[in-house]
Amino acid sequence: MIIQKVLHMLLVAGVRFYAWLMLQLDVFWQAPFPPGPKLIVANHPSTTDPFYLGLLSDQPVSLLIMEALFLIPVFGAFLRWSGHIPVSSEKGRPAFEAAYRRLLRGCSVAIFPEGDLSPAEGGCLPPHTGAARLALLTGVPIIPIGIYLPREQRRAIRSKIAGERQLGYLYLRGKYGMTVGQPMHVKGNVEDRDQVRAISEQIMQQIMSLAQESEQ
């Protein structure tokens, strides 16, 4: 945990300096983060979102990040030592269970409910149900965050990791807005698929509304 805090401080310091130098960073808080563990959820218009999202918390947050990035030498080790969680596109259960354990231990977790980058043409992908199920199982508050950036200013980056081609979109300079919404508290039966799906849609609608506010 001490190593995670130190790495978090170093990463935040570096990203904060970069954001000050290159971004027109605009963060609006509808409410401060509540104390204790929380589940942070946001839309995902660029590959660089996890780094900018980390600027919002003074405490380490475990991000669910695609597994391919953990295979990059040095960088992958840094992600693991920082406490982040790899997500496989084929097997999501291990990541879900890791996030569940972190929340029960009092750590905060951040998830992009879309499960992938937002569509290039705008809007958001249909949400996965992981965030809703984690909130129902642990009782932690959900913190919705809406991100806005002008997508035409993203830079496409194609790479090959572990033999698979990856396409990402870096956002390196320009306006970057984040609106932090009011905490959401959900209750219900995690085994009720219709209810879980309805909560997931509610979370995504709130994120999209906040993203529109960030555009202002």
Protein backbone atom coordinates (compact mmCIF):
# COMPACT_ATOMS: atom_id res chain seq x y z
CA MET A 1 0.00 0.00 0.00
CA ILE A 2 2.91 2.37 0.77
CA ILE A 3 4.44 1.67 -2.65
CA GLN A 4 1.08 2.31 -4.29
CA LYS A 5 0.77 5.68 -2.53
CA VAL A 6 4.29 6.74 -3.51
CA LEU A 7 3.78 5.76 -7.16
CA HIS A 8 0.40 7.50 -7.14
CA MET A 9 2.02 10.71 -5.88
CA LEU A 10 4.76 10.54 -8.53
CA LEU A 11 2.29 9.84 -11.33
CA VAL A 12 -0.12 12.58 -10.26
CA ALA A 13 2.72 15.09 -9.97
CA GLY A 14 3.94 14.29 -13.47
CA VAL A 15 0.47 14.33 -15.05
CA ARG A 16 -0.47 17.51 -13.21
CA PHE A 17 2.59 19.30 -14.58
CA TYR A 18 1.81 18.04 -18.08
CA ALA A 19 -1.83 19.11 -17.78
CA TRP A 20 -0.77 22.57 -16.60
CA LEU A 21 1.61 22.85 -19.54
CA MET A 22 -0.47 21.36 -22.37
CA LEU A 23 -4.15 21.15 -21.42
CA GLN A 24 -6.90 23.63 -20.83
CA LEU A 25 -8.06 21.54 -17.89
CA ASP A 26 -11.46 22.50 -16.51
CA VAL A 27 -12.91 20.54 -13.58
CA PHE A 28 -16.32 21.34 -12.10
CA TRP A 29 -17.39 19.70 -8.86
CA GLN A 30 -21.10 19.32 -8.14
CA ALA A 31 -20.02 17.74 -4.84
CA PRO A 32 -16.69 16.73 -3.27
CA PHE A 33 -15.66 13.11 -3.11
CA PRO A 34 -17.21 11.47 -0.04
CA PRO A 35 -14.83 9.85 2.46
CA GLY A 36 -14.15 6.13 2.31
CA PRO A 37 -14.16 3.75 -0.66
CA LYS A 38 -16.04 4.84 -3.75
CA LEU A 39 -16.68 3.60 -7.27
CA ILE A 40 -15.70 6.22 -9.85
CA VAL A 41 -17.33 5.84 -13.28
CA ALA A 42 -16.72 7.90 -16.41
CA ASN A 43 -17.07 7.93 -20.18
CA HIS A 44 -13.96 7.11 -22.20
CA PRO A 45 -13.31 9.36 -25.23
CA SER A 46 -9.51 8.89 -25.24
CA THR A 47 -6.82 6.42 -24.23
CA THR A 48 -5.29 9.06 -21.95
CA ASP A 49 -8.43 9.43 -19.77
CA PRO A 50 -7.17 7.17 -16.93
CA PHE A 51 -4.20 9.46 -16.31
CA TYR A 52 -6.25 12.67 -16.22
CA LEU A 53 -8.92 11.00 -14.09
CA GLY A 54 -6.24 10.25 -11.51
CA LEU A 55 -5.77 13.98 -10.93
CA LEU A 56 -9.10 14.18 -9.10
CA SER A 57 -8.13 12.16 -6.03
CA ASP A 58 -5.44 12.72 -3.43
CA GLN A 59 -5.69 9.03 -2.54
CA PRO A 60 -4.72 6.11 -4.80
CA VAL A 61 -7.49 4.82 -7.04
CA SER A 62 -7.34 1.38 -8.68
CA LEU A 63 -8.22 1.78 -12.33
CA LEU A 64 -9.52 -1.06 -14.48
CA ILE A 65 -7.27 -0.86 -17.57
CA MET A 66 -7.11 -3.10 -20.63
CA GLU A 67 -4.78 -6.03 -20.10
CA ALA A 68 -2.64 -5.29 -23.17
CA LEU A 69 -1.08 -2.27 -21.48
CA PHE A 70 0.20 -4.46 -18.65
CA LEU A 71 2.25 -6.41 -21.21
CA ILE A 72 4.37 -3.37 -22.12
CA PRO A 73 7.82 -3.71 -20.49
CA VAL A 74 8.45 -1.34 -17.55
CA PHE A 75 5.15 0.47 -18.06
CA GLY A 76 3.18 -2.68 -17.31
CA ALA A 77 5.16 -3.25 -14.12
CA PHE A 78 4.49 0.35 -13.13
CA LEU A 79 0.75 -0.18 -13.57
CA ARG A 80 0.80 -3.29 -11.39
CA TRP A 81 2.86 -1.69 -8.63
CA SER A 82 0.48 1.29 -8.74
CA GLY A 83 -2.40 -1.04 -7.86
CA HIS A 84 -4.27 -0.93 -11.16
CA ILE A 85 -6.30 -3.89 -12.40
CA PRO A 86 -5.87 -5.56 -15.82
CA VAL A 87 -9.06 -6.30 -17.75
CA SER A 88 -9.18 -9.02 -20.38
CA SER A 89 -11.63 -8.58 -23.26
CA GLU A 90 -12.41 -12.30 -23.06
CA LYS A 91 -12.43 -12.95 -19.30
CA GLY A 92 -13.77 -10.09 -17.21
CA ARG A 93 -14.46 -12.09 -14.06
CA PRO A 94 -10.93 -11.87 -12.54
CA ALA A 95 -10.95 -8.07 -12.90
CA PHE A 96 -14.42 -7.86 -11.35
CA GLU A 97 -13.36 -9.96 -8.37
CA ALA A 98 -10.17 -7.92 -7.91
CA ALA A 99 -12.20 -4.68 -7.92
CA TYR A 100 -14.67 -6.20 -5.45
CA ARG A 101 -11.86 -7.11 -3.05
CA ARG A 102 -10.31 -3.64 -3.30
CA LEU A 103 -13.61 -1.97 -2.44
CA LEU A 104 -14.16 -4.26 0.55
CA ARG A 105 -10.66 -3.37 1.79
CA GLY A 106 -11.56 0.32 1.73
CA CYS A 107 -9.87 1.24 -1.55
CA SER A 108 -11.50 3.27 -4.32
CA VAL A 109 -11.91 1.86 -7.82
CA ALA A 110 -12.47 3.57 -11.19
CA ILE A 111 -14.28 1.94 -14.12
CA PHE A 112 -15.20 2.99 -17.64
CA PRO A 113 -18.64 1.32 -17.96
CA GLU A 114 -18.49 1.37 -21.77
CA GLY A 115 -15.73 -1.25 -21.60
CA ASP A 116 -13.95 0.35 -24.57
CA LEU A 117 -13.28 3.76 -26.08
CA SER A 118 -16.36 5.86 -26.83
CA PRO A 119 -17.45 5.96 -30.50
CA ALA A 120 -15.36 8.24 -32.71
CA GLU A 121 -18.48 9.95 -34.02
CA GLY A 122 -19.62 10.95 -30.52
CA GLY A 123 -21.84 9.68 -27.76
CA CYS A 124 -21.19 6.59 -25.67
CA LEU A 125 -21.31 2.82 -26.04
CA PRO A 126 -23.99 0.82 -24.19
CA PRO A 127 -22.81 0.25 -20.61
CA HIS A 128 -21.60 -3.03 -19.19
CA THR A 129 -23.15 -4.05 -15.88
CA GLY A 130 -19.98 -4.41 -13.78
CA ALA A 131 -20.22 -1.02 -12.09
CA ALA A 132 -23.85 -1.54 -11.05
CA ARG A 133 -23.11 -5.02 -9.69
CA LEU A 134 -20.08 -3.82 -7.71
CA ALA A 135 -22.11 -1.01 -6.15
CA LEU A 136 -24.96 -3.36 -5.23
CA LEU A 137 -22.60 -5.92 -3.71
CA THR A 138 -20.46 -3.49 -1.69
CA GLY A 139 -22.81 -0.60 -0.92
CA VAL A 140 -20.17 2.00 -1.88
CA PRO A 141 -21.31 5.27 -3.50
CA ILE A 142 -21.00 5.68 -7.25
CA ILE A 143 -19.28 8.89 -8.39
CA PRO A 144 -20.27 9.68 -12.00
CA ILE A 145 -17.88 11.82 -14.04
CA GLY A 146 -18.53 13.26 -17.48
CA ILE A 147 -15.51 13.93 -19.71
CA TYR A 148 -15.50 16.25 -22.71
CA LEU A 149 -12.81 16.81 -25.29
CA PRO A 150 -12.96 17.85 -28.95
CA ARG A 151 -12.57 14.44 -30.58
CA GLU A 152 -11.18 15.84 -33.81
CA GLN A 153 -8.05 16.81 -31.84
CA ARG A 154 -7.31 13.25 -30.74
CA ARG A 155 -4.28 11.54 -32.22
CA ALA A 156 -4.79 7.98 -33.45
CA ILE A 157 -2.05 5.59 -32.38
CA ARG A 158 -1.68 2.07 -33.73
CA SER A 159 0.53 -0.42 -31.94
CA LYS A 160 1.19 -4.12 -31.71
CA ILE A 161 1.19 -5.64 -28.21
CA ALA A 162 1.66 -9.37 -27.62
CA GLY A 163 1.04 -9.99 -31.32
CA GLU A 164 -2.29 -8.14 -31.40
CA ARG A 165 -2.89 -4.83 -33.13
CA GLN A 166 -4.22 -2.10 -30.86
CA LEU A 167 -5.85 1.19 -31.83
CA GLY A 168 -5.93 4.03 -29.35
CA TYR A 169 -6.62 7.74 -29.37
CA LEU A 170 -4.26 10.01 -27.44
CA TYR A 171 -5.40 13.43 -26.33
CA LEU A 172 -2.31 15.52 -25.68
CA ARG A 173 -3.34 19.18 -25.81
CA GLY A 174 -6.38 21.44 -25.83
CA LYS A 175 -9.58 21.73 -23.82
CA TYR A 176 -10.28 18.85 -21.45
CA GLY A 177 -13.35 19.17 -19.24
CA MET A 178 -14.50 16.96 -16.39
CA THR A 179 -17.67 17.37 -14.33
CA VAL A 180 -17.84 15.40 -11.09
CA GLY A 181 -21.45 14.56 -10.26
CA GLN A 182 -23.34 13.98 -7.06
CA PRO A 183 -22.76 10.58 -5.43
CA MET A 184 -25.28 7.94 -6.46
CA HIS A 185 -26.48 5.30 -4.01
CA VAL A 186 -28.14 2.19 -5.38
CA LYS A 187 -29.95 -0.69 -3.71
CA GLY A 188 -31.48 -3.84 -5.08
CA ASN A 189 -30.98 -7.48 -5.91
CA VAL A 190 -27.76 -8.13 -7.82
CA GLU A 191 -29.34 -11.33 -9.19
CA ASP A 192 -32.16 -9.37 -10.83
CA ARG A 193 -30.77 -8.86 -14.33
CA ASP A 194 -33.45 -6.38 -15.39
CA GLN A 195 -32.82 -4.26 -12.31
CA VAL A 196 -29.04 -4.39 -12.80
CA ARG A 197 -29.44 -3.38 -16.44
CA ALA A 198 -31.75 -0.49 -15.47
CA ILE A 199 -29.22 0.77 -12.90
CA SER A 200 -26.43 0.48 -15.47
CA GLU A 201 -28.44 2.58 -17.93
CA GLN A 202 -29.15 5.12 -15.19
CA ILE A 203 -25.43 5.41 -14.44
CA MET A 204 -24.59 5.88 -18.12
CA GLN A 205 -27.30 8.49 -18.61
CA GLN A 206 -25.90 10.47 -15.69
CA ILE A 207 -22.38 10.26 -17.12
CA MET A 208 -23.59 11.47 -20.53
CA SER A 209 -25.45 14.37 -18.94
CA LEU A 210 -22.31 15.39 -17.04
CA ALA A 211 -20.22 15.09 -20.22
CA GLN A 212 -22.57 17.57 -21.89
CA GLU A 213 -22.08 19.95 -18.96
CA SER A 214 -18.31 19.60 -19.35
CA GLU A 215 -18.63 20.83 -22.94
CA GLN A 216 -19.98 24.21 -21.85
